[in-house]
Amino acid sequence: MQRIALKGAVSFFGGETGMKKHPYDAGEAPVGAANISVELAHGIHNGWVVGAISALVLLVGAVAGLATGDGIGFVINLLAAVACAGLAYGVYRRSRVAAVALLLLFLALWLGSLIRFGNFAGVLVEVIRLMFAVMLYQAMKACFLWHRSQKQGCS
C-alpha cells in the first residue's frame, strides 16, 4: 500500500509529513506596516465619507429651512454644512485636528437636535447617528495612529 503525502498534512501519529515547503508558495501575510496602513486607510476613508454625508444632509436641511422661511435655521445649517465639508476634507488629508473637530461637531449637532426637538428622531435615525459617531471615532483614532506610524518611519 502506497501512502500519498499531502503538503502541510499531518501524519496519523501527529507529526508533519516531512514535505518541504515550496519556495514560491504564498505564506502568511506579515504583520507590519503595510497591513496597518491598510486598516488605517479604511478608518480614515470611512471618516471623511461620513463627514461628506453629514455635510450633504445639513445642506439639504439648509435648503429645506430656506423653503419654509426659517432664516436662522438656514444660516445655522449652511454654516454647519460648510464646516462639515471642510473638516471632512481635513480628515481626508489625515489631519488629527480636523478628525477631532469633526467628531465634536457631529456630537454637538446631535445633542443640539435632541435639545431642539425634545426627543429622539426615531430608532433608525438614532442607530445611523450612532454608527456615524463610531466611524468618526475610528477615523480620529486612525489619524492619530497614522501620524504615530509616520513618526516612527513604519510607512
N, C-alpha and C. Protein backbone atom coordinates (compact mmCIF):
# COMPACT_ATOMS: atom_id res chain seq x y z
N MET A 1 0.84 -1.17 0.00
CA MET A 1 0.00 0.00 0.00
C MET A 1 0.89 1.25 0.00
N GLN A 2 0.59 2.15 -0.88
CA GLN A 2 1.42 3.34 -1.03
C GLN A 2 0.72 4.51 -0.36
N ARG A 3 1.48 5.29 0.40
CA ARG A 3 0.92 6.48 1.05
C ARG A 3 1.21 7.71 0.21
N ILE A 4 0.22 8.59 0.13
CA ILE A 4 0.40 9.86 -0.57
C ILE A 4 0.46 10.95 0.48
N ALA A 5 1.57 11.64 0.48
CA ALA A 5 1.75 12.71 1.47
C ALA A 5 1.27 14.02 0.87
N LEU A 6 0.37 14.65 1.55
CA LEU A 6 -0.11 15.96 1.12
C LEU A 6 0.73 17.04 1.76
N LYS A 7 0.94 18.07 1.00
CA LYS A 7 1.74 19.18 1.51
C LYS A 7 1.06 19.82 2.70
N GLY A 8 1.78 19.93 3.82
CA GLY A 8 1.24 20.56 5.01
C GLY A 8 0.34 19.65 5.81
N ALA A 9 0.16 18.40 5.38
CA ALA A 9 -0.72 17.49 6.09
C ALA A 9 -0.02 16.95 7.32
N VAL A 10 -0.79 16.53 8.26
CA VAL A 10 -0.26 15.96 9.49
C VAL A 10 -0.44 14.45 9.41
N SER A 11 0.59 13.72 9.76
CA SER A 11 0.51 12.27 9.69
C SER A 11 -0.38 11.72 10.79
N PHE A 12 -0.63 10.41 10.69
CA PHE A 12 -1.51 9.74 11.65
C PHE A 12 -0.98 9.84 13.07
N PHE A 13 0.33 9.87 13.23
CA PHE A 13 0.94 9.88 14.55
C PHE A 13 1.17 11.29 15.09
N GLY A 14 0.69 12.30 14.40
CA GLY A 14 0.73 13.66 14.92
C GLY A 14 1.86 14.52 14.41
N GLY A 15 2.81 13.95 13.70
CA GLY A 15 3.93 14.74 13.19
C GLY A 15 3.66 15.22 11.78
N GLU A 16 4.48 16.13 11.32
CA GLU A 16 4.35 16.61 9.95
C GLU A 16 4.75 15.49 8.99
N THR A 17 4.31 15.55 7.77
CA THR A 17 4.60 14.51 6.80
C THR A 17 6.04 14.59 6.31
N GLY A 18 6.73 15.64 6.61
CA GLY A 18 8.12 15.74 6.23
C GLY A 18 8.34 16.44 4.90
N MET A 19 7.29 16.85 4.24
CA MET A 19 7.47 17.53 2.96
C MET A 19 7.94 18.95 3.20
N LYS A 20 8.87 19.37 2.38
CA LYS A 20 9.38 20.73 2.49
C LYS A 20 8.42 21.69 1.78
N LYS A 21 8.39 22.88 2.30
CA LYS A 21 7.54 23.90 1.70
C LYS A 21 8.20 24.40 0.42
N HIS A 22 7.38 24.53 -0.61
CA HIS A 22 7.89 25.03 -1.88
C HIS A 22 8.26 26.50 -1.72
N PRO A 23 9.38 26.95 -2.27
CA PRO A 23 9.81 28.34 -2.03
C PRO A 23 8.91 29.39 -2.65
N TYR A 24 8.08 29.01 -3.63
CA TYR A 24 7.22 30.00 -4.28
C TYR A 24 5.78 29.97 -3.77
N ASP A 25 5.51 29.16 -2.78
CA ASP A 25 4.18 29.14 -2.19
C ASP A 25 3.93 30.41 -1.41
N ALA A 26 2.69 30.86 -1.44
CA ALA A 26 2.33 32.05 -0.68
C ALA A 26 2.30 31.71 0.80
N GLY A 27 2.90 32.55 1.57
CA GLY A 27 2.90 32.34 3.01
C GLY A 27 1.88 33.24 3.67
N GLU A 28 1.93 33.29 4.95
CA GLU A 28 1.04 34.18 5.69
C GLU A 28 1.53 35.61 5.53
N ALA A 29 0.60 36.52 5.49
CA ALA A 29 0.96 37.93 5.33
C ALA A 29 1.67 38.41 6.58
N PRO A 30 2.78 39.08 6.42
CA PRO A 30 3.49 39.57 7.60
C PRO A 30 2.71 40.68 8.28
N VAL A 31 2.76 40.68 9.58
CA VAL A 31 2.12 41.75 10.32
C VAL A 31 3.12 42.89 10.37
N GLY A 32 2.82 43.92 9.66
CA GLY A 32 3.77 45.02 9.58
C GLY A 32 3.08 46.29 9.15
N ALA A 33 3.88 47.17 8.62
CA ALA A 33 3.39 48.50 8.27
C ALA A 33 2.35 48.46 7.17
N ALA A 34 2.49 47.54 6.21
CA ALA A 34 1.54 47.50 5.10
C ALA A 34 0.14 47.16 5.57
N ASN A 35 0.03 46.16 6.45
CA ASN A 35 -1.29 45.77 6.96
C ASN A 35 -1.88 46.87 7.83
N ILE A 36 -1.06 47.49 8.64
CA ILE A 36 -1.53 48.57 9.50
C ILE A 36 -2.00 49.75 8.65
N SER A 37 -1.25 50.08 7.61
CA SER A 37 -1.62 51.21 6.77
C SER A 37 -2.95 50.98 6.07
N VAL A 38 -3.23 49.74 5.67
CA VAL A 38 -4.50 49.45 5.01
C VAL A 38 -5.65 49.63 5.99
N GLU A 39 -5.48 49.14 7.21
CA GLU A 39 -6.54 49.30 8.22
C GLU A 39 -6.76 50.77 8.55
N LEU A 40 -5.69 51.52 8.67
CA LEU A 40 -5.82 52.95 8.97
C LEU A 40 -6.46 53.69 7.81
N ALA A 41 -6.12 53.30 6.60
CA ALA A 41 -6.71 53.96 5.43
C ALA A 41 -8.22 53.73 5.38
N HIS A 42 -8.66 52.54 5.77
CA HIS A 42 -10.10 52.27 5.79
C HIS A 42 -10.80 53.15 6.83
N GLY A 43 -10.20 53.29 8.00
CA GLY A 43 -10.80 54.13 9.04
C GLY A 43 -10.87 55.58 8.62
N ILE A 44 -9.80 56.07 8.00
CA ILE A 44 -9.77 57.46 7.55
C ILE A 44 -10.77 57.66 6.41
N HIS A 45 -10.84 56.70 5.51
CA HIS A 45 -11.81 56.78 4.40
C HIS A 45 -13.24 56.85 4.93
N ASN A 46 -13.56 55.98 5.88
CA ASN A 46 -14.91 56.00 6.45
C ASN A 46 -15.20 57.33 7.12
N GLY A 47 -14.22 57.92 7.77
CA GLY A 47 -14.42 59.19 8.45
C GLY A 47 -14.74 60.33 7.50
N TRP A 48 -13.98 60.45 6.41
CA TRP A 48 -14.26 61.58 5.54
C TRP A 48 -15.53 61.35 4.74
N VAL A 49 -15.90 60.09 4.46
CA VAL A 49 -17.16 59.83 3.78
C VAL A 49 -18.34 60.19 4.69
N VAL A 50 -18.24 59.83 5.98
CA VAL A 50 -19.29 60.19 6.94
C VAL A 50 -19.39 61.72 7.05
N GLY A 51 -18.25 62.40 7.06
CA GLY A 51 -18.27 63.86 7.10
C GLY A 51 -18.93 64.46 5.87
N ALA A 52 -18.65 63.89 4.70
CA ALA A 52 -19.27 64.39 3.47
C ALA A 52 -20.78 64.13 3.46
N ILE A 53 -21.20 62.96 3.93
CA ILE A 53 -22.63 62.66 4.01
C ILE A 53 -23.31 63.61 4.99
N SER A 54 -22.66 63.87 6.12
CA SER A 54 -23.23 64.81 7.09
C SER A 54 -23.36 66.21 6.50
N ALA A 55 -22.35 66.63 5.74
CA ALA A 55 -22.42 67.94 5.10
C ALA A 55 -23.57 67.99 4.09
N LEU A 56 -23.76 66.91 3.36
CA LEU A 56 -24.85 66.88 2.39
C LEU A 56 -26.21 66.92 3.08
N VAL A 57 -26.36 66.18 4.17
CA VAL A 57 -27.63 66.19 4.92
C VAL A 57 -27.88 67.59 5.49
N LEU A 58 -26.84 68.23 6.01
CA LEU A 58 -27.01 69.58 6.55
C LEU A 58 -27.35 70.59 5.45
N LEU A 59 -26.79 70.39 4.27
CA LEU A 59 -27.12 71.27 3.15
C LEU A 59 -28.57 71.10 2.72
N VAL A 60 -29.05 69.86 2.71
CA VAL A 60 -30.46 69.62 2.41
C VAL A 60 -31.34 70.27 3.48
N GLY A 61 -30.91 70.18 4.74
CA GLY A 61 -31.65 70.84 5.82
C GLY A 61 -31.65 72.35 5.66
N ALA A 62 -30.55 72.91 5.18
CA ALA A 62 -30.49 74.35 4.96
C ALA A 62 -31.45 74.78 3.85
N VAL A 63 -31.49 74.00 2.78
CA VAL A 63 -32.41 74.32 1.68
C VAL A 63 -33.86 74.17 2.15
N ALA A 64 -34.13 73.16 2.95
CA ALA A 64 -35.48 72.98 3.49
C ALA A 64 -35.85 74.14 4.41
N GLY A 65 -34.88 74.62 5.20
CA GLY A 65 -35.12 75.78 6.06
C GLY A 65 -35.38 77.03 5.25
N LEU A 66 -34.70 77.18 4.14
CA LEU A 66 -34.93 78.33 3.27
C LEU A 66 -36.32 78.25 2.62
N ALA A 67 -36.73 77.05 2.25
CA ALA A 67 -38.03 76.88 1.61
C ALA A 67 -39.18 77.14 2.59
N THR A 68 -38.97 76.82 3.87
CA THR A 68 -40.03 77.03 4.86
C THR A 68 -40.00 78.43 5.47
N GLY A 69 -38.98 79.20 5.13
CA GLY A 69 -38.90 80.56 5.63
C GLY A 69 -38.19 80.68 6.97
N ASP A 70 -37.52 79.64 7.40
CA ASP A 70 -36.76 79.67 8.66
C ASP A 70 -35.36 80.20 8.35
N GLY A 71 -35.20 81.50 8.47
CA GLY A 71 -33.93 82.14 8.10
C GLY A 71 -32.78 81.76 8.99
N ILE A 72 -33.00 81.71 10.31
CA ILE A 72 -31.90 81.38 11.22
C ILE A 72 -31.50 79.91 11.08
N GLY A 73 -32.49 79.04 10.82
CA GLY A 73 -32.19 77.62 10.60
C GLY A 73 -31.39 77.42 9.33
N PHE A 74 -31.71 78.22 8.30
CA PHE A 74 -30.95 78.16 7.05
C PHE A 74 -29.49 78.53 7.28
N VAL A 75 -29.26 79.61 8.00
CA VAL A 75 -27.89 80.09 8.23
C VAL A 75 -27.11 79.08 9.07
N ILE A 76 -27.73 78.57 10.13
CA ILE A 76 -27.04 77.62 11.01
C ILE A 76 -26.70 76.35 10.24
N ASN A 77 -27.67 75.81 9.50
CA ASN A 77 -27.41 74.58 8.75
C ASN A 77 -26.39 74.79 7.64
N LEU A 78 -26.44 75.96 7.00
CA LEU A 78 -25.47 76.24 5.94
C LEU A 78 -24.05 76.34 6.51
N LEU A 79 -23.90 77.05 7.63
CA LEU A 79 -22.57 77.14 8.26
C LEU A 79 -22.08 75.77 8.73
N ALA A 80 -22.98 74.98 9.31
CA ALA A 80 -22.59 73.64 9.76
C ALA A 80 -22.22 72.75 8.57
N ALA A 81 -22.92 72.90 7.44
CA ALA A 81 -22.60 72.10 6.26
C ALA A 81 -21.22 72.46 5.71
N VAL A 82 -20.93 73.77 5.67
CA VAL A 82 -19.61 74.21 5.19
C VAL A 82 -18.52 73.72 6.15
N ALA A 83 -18.77 73.81 7.45
CA ALA A 83 -17.79 73.33 8.43
C ALA A 83 -17.58 71.83 8.30
N CYS A 84 -18.66 71.06 8.14
CA CYS A 84 -18.53 69.61 7.98
C CYS A 84 -17.76 69.26 6.72
N ALA A 85 -18.05 69.96 5.63
CA ALA A 85 -17.34 69.68 4.38
C ALA A 85 -15.85 70.00 4.52
N GLY A 86 -15.53 71.11 5.14
CA GLY A 86 -14.13 71.47 5.33
C GLY A 86 -13.41 70.49 6.25
N LEU A 87 -14.07 70.09 7.32
CA LEU A 87 -13.45 69.14 8.24
C LEU A 87 -13.34 67.75 7.61
N ALA A 88 -14.30 67.38 6.76
CA ALA A 88 -14.20 66.10 6.05
C ALA A 88 -12.99 66.10 5.12
N TYR A 89 -12.74 67.22 4.48
CA TYR A 89 -11.55 67.33 3.65
C TYR A 89 -10.29 67.24 4.52
N GLY A 90 -10.34 67.82 5.71
CA GLY A 90 -9.20 67.71 6.62
C GLY A 90 -8.95 66.27 7.05
N VAL A 91 -10.01 65.51 7.28
CA VAL A 91 -9.85 64.09 7.62
C VAL A 91 -9.29 63.34 6.43
N TYR A 92 -9.74 63.69 5.24
CA TYR A 92 -9.20 63.09 4.01
C TYR A 92 -7.70 63.32 3.92
N ARG A 93 -7.26 64.49 4.36
CA ARG A 93 -5.83 64.82 4.35
C ARG A 93 -5.11 64.32 5.61
N ARG A 94 -5.80 63.53 6.43
CA ARG A 94 -5.27 62.87 7.63
C ARG A 94 -4.91 63.86 8.74
N SER A 95 -5.68 64.90 8.88
CA SER A 95 -5.45 65.89 9.93
C SER A 95 -6.08 65.42 11.24
N ARG A 96 -5.26 65.36 12.27
CA ARG A 96 -5.77 64.95 13.58
C ARG A 96 -6.72 65.98 14.14
N VAL A 97 -6.40 67.25 13.97
CA VAL A 97 -7.25 68.33 14.48
C VAL A 97 -8.62 68.29 13.80
N ALA A 98 -8.62 68.09 12.49
CA ALA A 98 -9.88 68.02 11.75
C ALA A 98 -10.71 66.81 12.18
N ALA A 99 -10.05 65.69 12.45
CA ALA A 99 -10.78 64.49 12.87
C ALA A 99 -11.44 64.71 14.22
N VAL A 100 -10.71 65.29 15.16
CA VAL A 100 -11.28 65.57 16.48
C VAL A 100 -12.41 66.59 16.37
N ALA A 101 -12.17 67.66 15.59
CA ALA A 101 -13.18 68.70 15.44
C ALA A 101 -14.45 68.17 14.75
N LEU A 102 -14.28 67.29 13.76
CA LEU A 102 -15.45 66.74 13.09
C LEU A 102 -16.26 65.85 14.03
N LEU A 103 -15.58 65.05 14.84
CA LEU A 103 -16.30 64.23 15.82
C LEU A 103 -17.04 65.10 16.82
N LEU A 104 -16.38 66.15 17.32
CA LEU A 104 -17.03 67.04 18.29
C LEU A 104 -18.18 67.81 17.66
N LEU A 105 -18.02 68.25 16.41
CA LEU A 105 -19.11 68.95 15.72
C LEU A 105 -20.30 68.01 15.51
N PHE A 106 -20.02 66.78 15.12
CA PHE A 106 -21.11 65.82 14.92
C PHE A 106 -21.86 65.57 16.23
N LEU A 107 -21.11 65.38 17.32
CA LEU A 107 -21.76 65.14 18.62
C LEU A 107 -22.53 66.38 19.08
N ALA A 108 -21.99 67.57 18.83
CA ALA A 108 -22.69 68.80 19.21
C ALA A 108 -23.98 68.97 18.41
N LEU A 109 -23.93 68.67 17.11
CA LEU A 109 -25.14 68.77 16.30
C LEU A 109 -26.17 67.73 16.71
N TRP A 110 -25.70 66.55 17.10
CA TRP A 110 -26.61 65.50 17.57
C TRP A 110 -27.29 65.93 18.86
N LEU A 111 -26.50 66.47 19.78
CA LEU A 111 -27.05 66.96 21.04
C LEU A 111 -27.99 68.14 20.81
N GLY A 112 -27.60 69.03 19.89
CA GLY A 112 -28.45 70.18 19.57
C GLY A 112 -29.79 69.77 19.00
N SER A 113 -29.80 68.73 18.16
CA SER A 113 -31.08 68.28 17.62
C SER A 113 -31.94 67.64 18.70
N LEU A 114 -31.31 66.96 19.65
CA LEU A 114 -32.08 66.38 20.76
C LEU A 114 -32.69 67.48 21.62
N ILE A 115 -31.92 68.55 21.86
CA ILE A 115 -32.43 69.65 22.68
C ILE A 115 -33.51 70.42 21.92
N ARG A 116 -33.27 70.68 20.64
CA ARG A 116 -34.21 71.50 19.85
C ARG A 116 -35.55 70.80 19.67
N PHE A 117 -35.51 69.50 19.37
CA PHE A 117 -36.75 68.80 19.09
C PHE A 117 -37.31 68.09 20.31
N GLY A 118 -36.53 67.95 21.37
CA GLY A 118 -37.02 67.43 22.63
C GLY A 118 -37.14 65.93 22.73
N ASN A 119 -36.87 65.20 21.67
CA ASN A 119 -36.94 63.75 21.76
C ASN A 119 -36.05 63.14 20.67
N PHE A 120 -36.01 61.83 20.66
CA PHE A 120 -35.24 61.13 19.63
C PHE A 120 -36.00 61.19 18.31
N ALA A 121 -35.24 61.10 17.23
CA ALA A 121 -35.83 61.22 15.90
C ALA A 121 -36.40 59.90 15.39
N GLY A 122 -36.23 58.85 16.13
CA GLY A 122 -36.67 57.53 15.70
C GLY A 122 -35.52 56.55 15.85
N VAL A 123 -35.86 55.30 15.94
CA VAL A 123 -34.84 54.29 16.19
C VAL A 123 -33.83 54.21 15.04
N LEU A 124 -34.31 54.18 13.82
CA LEU A 124 -33.42 54.06 12.67
C LEU A 124 -32.47 55.25 12.57
N VAL A 125 -32.98 56.44 12.74
CA VAL A 125 -32.15 57.64 12.66
C VAL A 125 -31.09 57.64 13.76
N GLU A 126 -31.49 57.25 14.96
CA GLU A 126 -30.53 57.24 16.07
C GLU A 126 -29.48 56.15 15.89
N VAL A 127 -29.85 55.02 15.32
CA VAL A 127 -28.86 53.97 15.05
C VAL A 127 -27.87 54.44 13.99
N ILE A 128 -28.36 55.12 12.97
CA ILE A 128 -27.46 55.66 11.94
C ILE A 128 -26.54 56.71 12.54
N ARG A 129 -27.07 57.57 13.39
CA ARG A 129 -26.23 58.57 14.05
C ARG A 129 -25.16 57.91 14.91
N LEU A 130 -25.53 56.86 15.62
CA LEU A 130 -24.57 56.15 16.45
C LEU A 130 -23.49 55.50 15.59
N MET A 131 -23.89 54.91 14.47
CA MET A 131 -22.89 54.32 13.56
C MET A 131 -21.96 55.39 13.01
N PHE A 132 -22.49 56.55 12.66
CA PHE A 132 -21.66 57.65 12.18
C PHE A 132 -20.68 58.09 13.26
N ALA A 133 -21.16 58.19 14.50
CA ALA A 133 -20.28 58.61 15.59
C ALA A 133 -19.16 57.60 15.80
N VAL A 134 -19.47 56.33 15.71
CA VAL A 134 -18.44 55.29 15.87
C VAL A 134 -17.43 55.38 14.73
N MET A 135 -17.91 55.58 13.50
CA MET A 135 -16.98 55.70 12.37
C MET A 135 -16.10 56.94 12.47
N LEU A 136 -16.66 58.02 12.98
CA LEU A 136 -15.85 59.23 13.16
C LEU A 136 -14.82 59.02 14.26
N TYR A 137 -15.17 58.29 15.30
CA TYR A 137 -14.20 57.97 16.35
C TYR A 137 -13.08 57.10 15.78
N GLN A 138 -13.44 56.12 14.95
CA GLN A 138 -12.42 55.27 14.34
C GLN A 138 -11.53 56.07 13.41
N ALA A 139 -12.09 57.03 12.71
CA ALA A 139 -11.28 57.88 11.83
C ALA A 139 -10.32 58.74 12.64
N MET A 140 -10.80 59.26 13.77
CA MET A 140 -9.94 60.06 14.63
C MET A 140 -8.79 59.19 15.14
N LYS A 141 -9.11 57.99 15.60
CA LYS A 141 -8.08 57.09 16.11
C LYS A 141 -7.11 56.71 14.99
N ALA A 142 -7.62 56.48 13.78
CA ALA A 142 -6.76 56.12 12.65
C ALA A 142 -5.83 57.26 12.27
N CYS A 143 -6.31 58.50 12.36
CA CYS A 143 -5.44 59.65 12.05
C CYS A 143 -4.28 59.73 13.05
N PHE A 144 -4.59 59.55 14.32
CA PHE A 144 -3.54 59.58 15.33
C PHE A 144 -2.55 58.44 15.14
N LEU A 145 -3.05 57.24 14.87
CA LEU A 145 -2.15 56.10 14.67
C LEU A 145 -1.34 56.24 13.39
N TRP A 146 -1.94 56.82 12.35
CA TRP A 146 -1.21 57.02 11.11
C TRP A 146 -0.04 57.98 11.33
N HIS A 147 -0.30 59.06 12.06
CA HIS A 147 0.79 60.01 12.33
C HIS A 147 1.86 59.38 13.22
N ARG A 148 1.45 58.53 14.17
CA ARG A 148 2.44 57.84 15.00
C ARG A 148 3.31 56.92 14.15
N SER A 149 2.68 56.19 13.22
CA SER A 149 3.47 55.29 12.36
C SER A 149 4.37 56.09 11.43
N GLN A 150 3.94 57.26 10.98
CA GLN A 150 4.79 58.10 10.15
C GLN A 150 5.99 58.62 10.93
N LYS A 151 5.74 58.94 12.19
CA LYS A 151 6.82 59.46 13.04
C LYS A 151 7.87 58.38 13.31
N GLN A 152 7.40 57.12 13.43
CA GLN A 152 8.32 56.03 13.69
C GLN A 152 8.95 55.49 12.41
N GLY A 153 8.45 55.94 11.26
CA GLY A 153 9.01 55.53 9.98
C GLY A 153 8.55 54.18 9.51
N CYS A 154 7.36 53.74 9.91
CA CYS A 154 6.85 52.42 9.51
C CYS A 154 6.32 52.43 8.10
N SER A 155 5.72 53.52 7.66
CA SER A 155 5.08 53.51 6.34
C SER A 155 5.93 54.24 5.33
